[in-house]
């Protein structure tokens, strides 16, 4: 049995074929190059056709394709909202892929989920959360989101928006800068770290290693290792926010495990013990003693592997 998975990112599409045990037997990627609207949908259709063709070359047939989307997935309609792709405010991605595959492949099932859910499902299938039915995957990249599983079920909410934890309220008073991204994301996402560095440098705090005109998360962590005062302040602040947010999730959901992933974790893996110590200050004391904080086992392939899990488990809850 061969399983197909597609992971749509902000700049590229990763795609793969898997065995039913989760082993990758074919993997490739293409870049979006700014594609939007129907053109981006056509690229997904091309990728789906490549996977079906490759499976045929291996003497197998693709019955189902799982698709990870970086935004909101409306499961009842098969439409999506993806902020990084113009024209995808309510885009019928399943309909376009199915139409593009044609009558020859009309029996191929296409299932979609948000990337935050797929990150968790990948770890649940073959990663650190295997066999763990109460787990949370916190993705920290340009934005922040969480895939949440309670008693073996994914939490989605009435509009399929559960897990948008970038909007957690973690400080007061409210400021207008939270309108676009929310409080947590403004302070502790990749975007937020860069923004805070620029604000500190603009306020007059000197930095030997950071240039506010050309700046990335990698630059900030590199400067931290050199004890740059701006980087130290920014990372210290981020650890507090990551810890507070984790504490709230622990108190609310009582998980067995919280997994940190995304582009920032990455270089922030070494701070997971610090995040746990911060969370201990805020969280329900029994729950925090019974939860494990860890990093992703599957790294950059987590969402792609989670998309494969969708194809394998069309009836998962």
Protein backbone atom coordinates (compact mmCIF):
# COMPACT_ATOMS: atom_id res chain seq x y z
CA UNK A 1 0.00 0.00 0.00
CA UNK A 2 1.34 3.45 -0.98
CA UNK A 3 0.20 6.69 0.64
CA UNK A 4 0.52 10.20 -0.84
CA UNK A 5 1.05 13.41 1.11
CA UNK A 6 1.43 17.06 0.08
CA UNK A 7 2.60 19.90 2.33
CA UNK A 8 1.85 23.40 1.03
CA UNK A 9 4.13 25.97 2.64
CA UNK A 10 4.51 29.71 2.31
CA UNK A 11 7.08 29.42 -0.49
CA UNK A 12 7.15 25.78 -1.61
CA UNK A 13 5.22 22.53 -1.99
CA UNK A 14 6.75 19.37 -0.55
CA UNK A 15 5.28 16.02 -1.59
CA UNK A 16 5.99 12.37 -0.92
CA UNK A 17 4.90 8.76 -1.14
CA UNK A 18 4.92 6.65 2.03
CA UNK A 19 4.56 3.06 3.07
CA UNK A 20 1.71 2.36 5.46
CA UNK A 21 4.32 2.32 8.24
CA UNK A 22 5.30 5.92 7.53
CA UNK A 23 8.54 5.34 5.63
CA UNK A 24 9.18 7.88 2.84
CA UNK A 25 9.86 6.09 -0.46
CA UNK A 26 9.73 9.11 -2.78
CA UNK A 27 10.08 12.80 -1.93
CA UNK A 28 10.35 16.03 -3.90
CA UNK A 29 9.54 19.71 -3.69
CA UNK A 30 8.78 22.62 -6.00
CA UNK A 31 8.72 26.35 -5.29
CA UNK A 32 5.62 28.52 -5.58
CA UNK A 33 7.57 31.50 -6.94
CA UNK A 34 4.77 33.85 -5.90
CA UNK A 35 1.99 31.81 -7.51
CA UNK A 36 -1.49 32.77 -6.31
CA UNK A 37 -5.15 32.02 -6.91
CA UNK A 38 -5.91 29.26 -9.40
CA UNK A 39 -2.26 29.06 -10.49
CA UNK A 40 -1.26 27.89 -7.01
CA UNK A 41 -4.10 25.36 -7.16
CA UNK A 42 -2.86 24.14 -10.54
CA UNK A 43 0.58 23.53 -9.04
CA UNK A 44 -1.02 21.33 -6.39
CA UNK A 45 -2.83 19.42 -9.12
CA UNK A 46 0.44 18.90 -11.01
CA UNK A 47 2.04 17.60 -7.81
CA UNK A 48 -0.87 15.20 -7.24
CA UNK A 49 -0.49 13.87 -10.78
CA UNK A 50 3.25 13.37 -10.25
CA UNK A 51 2.54 11.32 -7.12
CA UNK A 52 -0.05 9.19 -8.89
CA UNK A 53 2.32 8.61 -11.83
CA UNK A 54 5.25 7.74 -9.55
CA UNK A 55 3.11 5.27 -7.63
CA UNK A 56 2.16 3.64 -10.92
CA UNK A 57 5.84 3.28 -11.82
CA UNK A 58 6.27 1.41 -8.55
CA UNK A 59 3.40 -0.89 -9.44
CA UNK A 60 1.04 0.71 -6.93
CA UNK A 61 -2.07 2.89 -6.97
CA UNK A 62 -2.79 6.03 -4.97
CA UNK A 63 -6.22 5.80 -3.41
CA UNK A 64 -5.98 8.88 -1.22
CA UNK A 65 -3.95 12.09 -0.96
CA UNK A 66 -3.47 14.05 2.25
CA UNK A 67 -2.88 17.80 1.95
CA UNK A 68 -1.48 20.11 4.63
CA UNK A 69 -2.51 23.78 4.31
CA UNK A 70 -0.90 26.77 6.16
CA UNK A 71 -4.13 28.45 7.21
CA UNK A 72 -7.73 27.62 8.02
CA UNK A 73 -9.33 24.53 6.52
CA UNK A 74 -13.13 24.46 6.27
CA UNK A 75 -13.65 20.72 6.29
CA UNK A 76 -17.34 20.73 5.40
CA UNK A 77 -16.83 22.71 2.18
CA UNK A 78 -13.28 21.72 1.16
CA UNK A 79 -12.31 25.39 0.99
CA UNK A 80 -9.37 27.11 2.68
CA UNK A 81 -8.12 30.49 3.83
CA UNK A 82 -4.36 30.91 3.38
CA UNK A 83 -3.01 34.37 4.26
CA UNK A 84 0.25 33.96 2.34
CA UNK A 85 -1.41 33.14 -1.00
CA UNK A 86 -3.36 35.92 -2.69
CA UNK A 87 -6.88 34.89 -3.74
CA UNK A 88 -7.13 32.09 -1.20
CA UNK A 89 -9.63 33.72 1.16
CA UNK A 90 -12.20 30.94 0.57
CA UNK A 91 -10.49 28.91 -2.10
CA UNK A 92 -12.05 25.59 -3.26
CA UNK A 93 -8.77 23.69 -3.27
CA UNK A 94 -10.27 20.19 -3.13
CA UNK A 95 -12.63 20.94 -6.02
CA UNK A 96 -9.80 22.30 -8.17
CA UNK A 97 -7.51 19.33 -7.51
CA UNK A 98 -10.26 16.80 -8.17
CA UNK A 99 -11.25 18.59 -11.36
CA UNK A 100 -7.62 18.73 -12.49
CA UNK A 101 -7.11 15.01 -11.87
CA UNK A 102 -9.96 14.24 -14.29
CA UNK A 103 -12.29 11.28 -14.62
CA UNK A 104 -9.40 8.82 -14.88
CA UNK A 105 -8.55 9.55 -11.24
CA UNK A 106 -12.04 10.38 -10.00
CA UNK A 107 -11.83 7.74 -7.27
CA UNK A 108 -8.77 9.36 -5.64
CA UNK A 109 -9.78 10.83 -2.30
CA UNK A 110 -8.35 14.26 -1.33
CA UNK A 111 -8.31 15.15 2.35
CA UNK A 112 -7.09 18.46 3.79
CA UNK A 113 -6.03 19.68 7.22
CA UNK A 114 -4.29 22.73 8.65
CA UNK A 115 -0.52 22.50 8.94
CA UNK A 116 -0.69 22.83 12.73
CA UNK A 117 -2.85 19.70 12.89
CA UNK A 118 -0.63 17.87 10.38
CA UNK A 119 2.45 18.64 12.45
CA UNK A 120 0.83 16.92 15.40
CA UNK A 121 -0.43 14.00 13.30
CA UNK A 122 3.05 13.38 11.88
CA UNK A 123 4.50 13.08 15.37
CA UNK A 124 1.51 10.97 16.45
CA UNK A 125 2.08 8.57 13.55
CA UNK A 126 5.84 7.93 13.62
CA UNK A 127 7.36 10.56 15.93
CA UNK A 128 7.58 11.38 19.61
CA UNK A 129 3.82 11.46 20.16
CA UNK A 130 3.28 7.91 18.87
CA UNK A 131 0.79 6.31 21.24
CA UNK A 132 0.20 9.61 23.05
CA UNK A 133 -3.49 10.54 22.80
CA UNK A 134 -3.27 13.80 24.78
CA UNK A 135 -0.66 15.93 23.07
CA UNK A 136 -0.06 19.40 21.66
CA UNK A 137 2.28 20.49 18.86
CA UNK A 138 3.24 24.18 19.08
CA UNK A 139 4.53 25.51 15.77
CA UNK A 140 6.62 28.68 16.00
CA UNK A 141 7.70 30.15 12.70
CA UNK A 142 6.66 33.41 11.10
CA UNK A 143 3.42 32.84 13.03
CA UNK A 144 2.34 30.61 15.91
CA UNK A 145 -0.25 27.83 15.95
CA UNK A 146 -1.01 24.59 17.77
CA UNK A 147 -2.34 21.19 16.82
CA UNK A 148 -4.24 19.79 19.80
CA UNK A 149 -5.26 16.18 20.45
CA UNK A 150 -7.39 15.25 23.47
CA UNK A 151 -8.31 11.62 24.16
CA UNK A 152 -7.25 10.69 20.65
CA UNK A 153 -9.40 13.36 18.97
CA UNK A 154 -8.25 16.50 17.20
CA UNK A 155 -9.84 19.65 18.61
CA UNK A 156 -11.20 21.83 15.79
CA UNK A 157 -14.00 24.05 17.10
CA UNK A 158 -17.21 25.18 15.44
CA UNK A 159 -15.39 26.94 12.55
CA UNK A 160 -12.31 24.69 12.36
CA UNK A 161 -10.13 27.47 13.82
CA UNK A 162 -9.07 25.89 17.13
CA UNK A 163 -5.34 26.07 17.74
CA UNK A 164 -4.86 29.70 16.63
CA UNK A 165 -2.87 30.31 19.80
CA UNK A 166 -1.01 33.26 18.30
CA UNK A 167 -4.05 35.20 19.51
CA UNK A 168 -3.60 34.22 23.16
CA UNK A 169 -3.90 37.24 25.47
CA UNK A 170 -0.76 37.11 27.62
CA UNK A 171 -0.27 40.71 28.70
CA UNK A 172 -2.21 43.91 29.36
CA UNK A 173 -3.26 46.46 28.35
CA UNK A 174 -4.38 45.71 24.81
CA UNK A 175 -2.38 47.51 22.12
CA UNK A 176 -3.37 48.24 18.53
CA UNK A 177 -0.33 46.32 17.27
CA UNK A 178 -2.15 43.11 18.28
CA UNK A 179 -4.91 43.74 15.72
CA UNK A 180 -3.08 41.96 12.90
CA UNK A 181 -1.48 38.96 14.64
CA UNK A 182 -2.61 38.75 18.23
CA UNK A 183 -0.63 39.24 21.44
CA UNK A 184 1.38 36.00 21.63
CA UNK A 185 2.41 36.02 17.98
CA UNK A 186 3.38 39.69 18.08
CA UNK A 187 5.79 39.02 20.93
CA UNK A 188 7.18 35.52 20.36
CA UNK A 189 6.90 34.40 16.71
CA UNK A 190 9.75 34.73 14.23
CA UNK A 191 8.07 37.93 13.11
CA UNK A 192 7.80 39.10 16.72
CA UNK A 193 11.46 38.44 17.55
CA UNK A 194 12.62 40.49 14.57
CA UNK A 195 10.16 43.27 15.41
CA UNK A 196 11.34 43.46 19.02
CA UNK A 197 15.01 43.63 17.98
CA UNK A 198 14.23 46.56 15.72
CA UNK A 199 12.31 48.32 18.48
CA UNK A 200 15.12 47.88 21.01
CA UNK A 201 17.79 49.10 18.61
CA UNK A 202 15.61 52.08 17.68
CA UNK A 203 15.23 52.89 21.40
CA UNK A 204 19.00 53.30 21.68
CA UNK A 205 20.14 49.92 23.04
CA UNK A 206 23.39 49.10 21.20
CA UNK A 207 24.00 45.82 19.39
CA UNK A 208 27.34 44.59 18.07
CA UNK A 209 25.96 41.76 15.98
CA UNK A 210 22.49 42.74 14.78
CA UNK A 211 21.62 44.96 11.85
CA UNK A 212 17.99 46.04 11.98
CA UNK A 213 17.92 46.51 8.20
CA UNK A 214 18.83 42.87 7.49
CA UNK A 215 17.62 40.56 10.19
CA UNK A 216 16.40 36.97 10.64
CA UNK A 217 15.64 34.63 13.51
CA UNK A 218 18.94 32.86 12.84
CA UNK A 219 20.77 36.16 13.27
CA UNK A 220 19.12 36.73 16.64
CA UNK A 221 20.03 33.30 18.01
CA UNK A 222 23.58 33.70 16.71
CA UNK A 223 23.87 37.05 18.46
CA UNK A 224 22.45 35.50 21.64
CA UNK A 225 25.30 33.00 21.68
CA UNK A 226 27.68 35.99 21.65
CA UNK A 227 25.76 37.52 24.60
CA UNK A 228 24.59 40.47 22.55
CA UNK A 229 22.42 42.54 24.96
CA UNK A 230 19.60 43.09 22.46
CA UNK A 231 19.43 39.41 21.50
CA UNK A 232 19.59 38.34 25.16
CA UNK A 233 16.65 40.59 26.04
CA UNK A 234 14.59 39.42 23.06
CA UNK A 235 15.15 35.70 23.75
CA UNK A 236 14.51 36.16 27.47
CA UNK A 237 11.20 37.85 26.64
CA UNK A 238 10.27 35.08 24.17
CA UNK A 239 10.97 32.35 26.73
CA UNK A 240 8.57 34.06 29.13
CA UNK A 241 5.82 34.17 26.51
CA UNK A 242 6.41 30.59 25.33
CA UNK A 243 6.31 29.48 28.96
CA UNK A 244 3.13 31.39 29.82
CA UNK A 245 1.31 30.12 26.73
CA UNK A 246 2.40 26.54 27.45
CA UNK A 247 1.25 26.89 31.06
CA UNK A 248 -2.20 27.99 29.92
CA UNK A 249 -2.45 25.00 27.58
CA UNK A 250 -1.31 22.64 30.33
CA UNK A 251 -3.83 24.03 32.82
CA UNK A 252 -6.68 23.94 30.31
CA UNK A 253 -6.03 20.62 28.55
CA UNK A 254 -3.84 18.49 30.88
CA UNK A 255 -1.72 17.00 28.04
CA UNK A 256 0.88 14.26 28.34
CA UNK A 257 3.25 16.00 25.94
CA UNK A 258 3.92 19.38 24.33
CA UNK A 259 6.11 19.29 21.22
CA UNK A 260 7.82 22.43 19.92
CA UNK A 261 8.54 22.73 16.20
CA UNK A 262 8.64 25.14 13.28
CA UNK A 263 11.45 27.33 11.99
CA UNK A 264 12.29 28.85 15.38
CA UNK A 265 12.65 25.38 16.98
CA UNK A 266 15.33 24.98 15.24
CA UNK A 267 17.72 27.15 17.09
CA UNK A 268 15.44 27.51 20.12
CA UNK A 269 15.47 23.79 20.99
CA UNK A 270 18.10 24.40 23.67
CA UNK A 271 15.67 26.71 25.49
CA UNK A 272 12.94 24.08 25.99
CA UNK A 273 14.08 23.36 29.58
CA UNK A 274 13.92 27.11 30.28
CA UNK A 275 10.42 27.25 28.80
CA UNK A 276 9.35 24.40 31.06
CA UNK A 277 10.75 26.17 34.13
CA UNK A 278 8.83 29.31 33.18
CA UNK A 279 5.65 27.30 32.62
CA UNK A 280 5.99 25.74 36.08
CA UNK A 281 5.51 29.18 37.63
CA UNK A 282 2.11 29.62 35.98
CA UNK A 283 0.59 26.20 35.32
CA UNK A 284 -1.70 23.99 37.38
CA UNK A 285 0.88 22.29 39.64
CA UNK A 286 -0.20 18.67 39.21
CA UNK A 287 -0.68 18.92 35.44
CA UNK A 288 2.73 20.53 34.86
CA UNK A 289 4.46 17.72 36.75
CA UNK A 290 2.90 15.15 34.40
CA UNK A 291 3.63 16.73 31.02
CA UNK A 292 6.76 16.35 28.92
CA UNK A 293 8.13 19.32 26.93
CA UNK A 294 10.16 18.18 23.92
CA UNK A 295 11.23 19.07 20.38
CA UNK A 296 9.97 17.59 17.12
CA UNK A 297 11.52 14.29 16.09
CA UNK A 298 10.59 14.73 12.43
CA UNK A 299 11.83 18.28 11.83
CA UNK A 300 10.98 19.95 8.54
CA UNK A 301 9.13 16.85 7.30
CA UNK A 302 6.63 16.80 10.18
CA UNK A 303 3.76 18.44 8.27
CA UNK A 304 4.41 16.37 5.16
CA UNK A 305 4.36 13.13 7.16
CA UNK A 306 1.18 14.30 8.87
CA UNK A 307 -0.38 14.82 5.44
CA UNK A 308 0.51 11.21 4.66
CA UNK A 309 -1.27 10.15 7.84
CA UNK A 310 -4.42 11.85 6.53
CA UNK A 311 -4.29 9.69 3.42
CA UNK A 312 -3.82 6.55 5.51
CA UNK A 313 -6.62 7.39 7.93
CA UNK A 314 -9.57 8.86 6.07
CA UNK A 315 -11.80 8.16 9.05
CA UNK A 316 -9.59 9.51 11.85
CA UNK A 317 -11.34 11.79 14.34
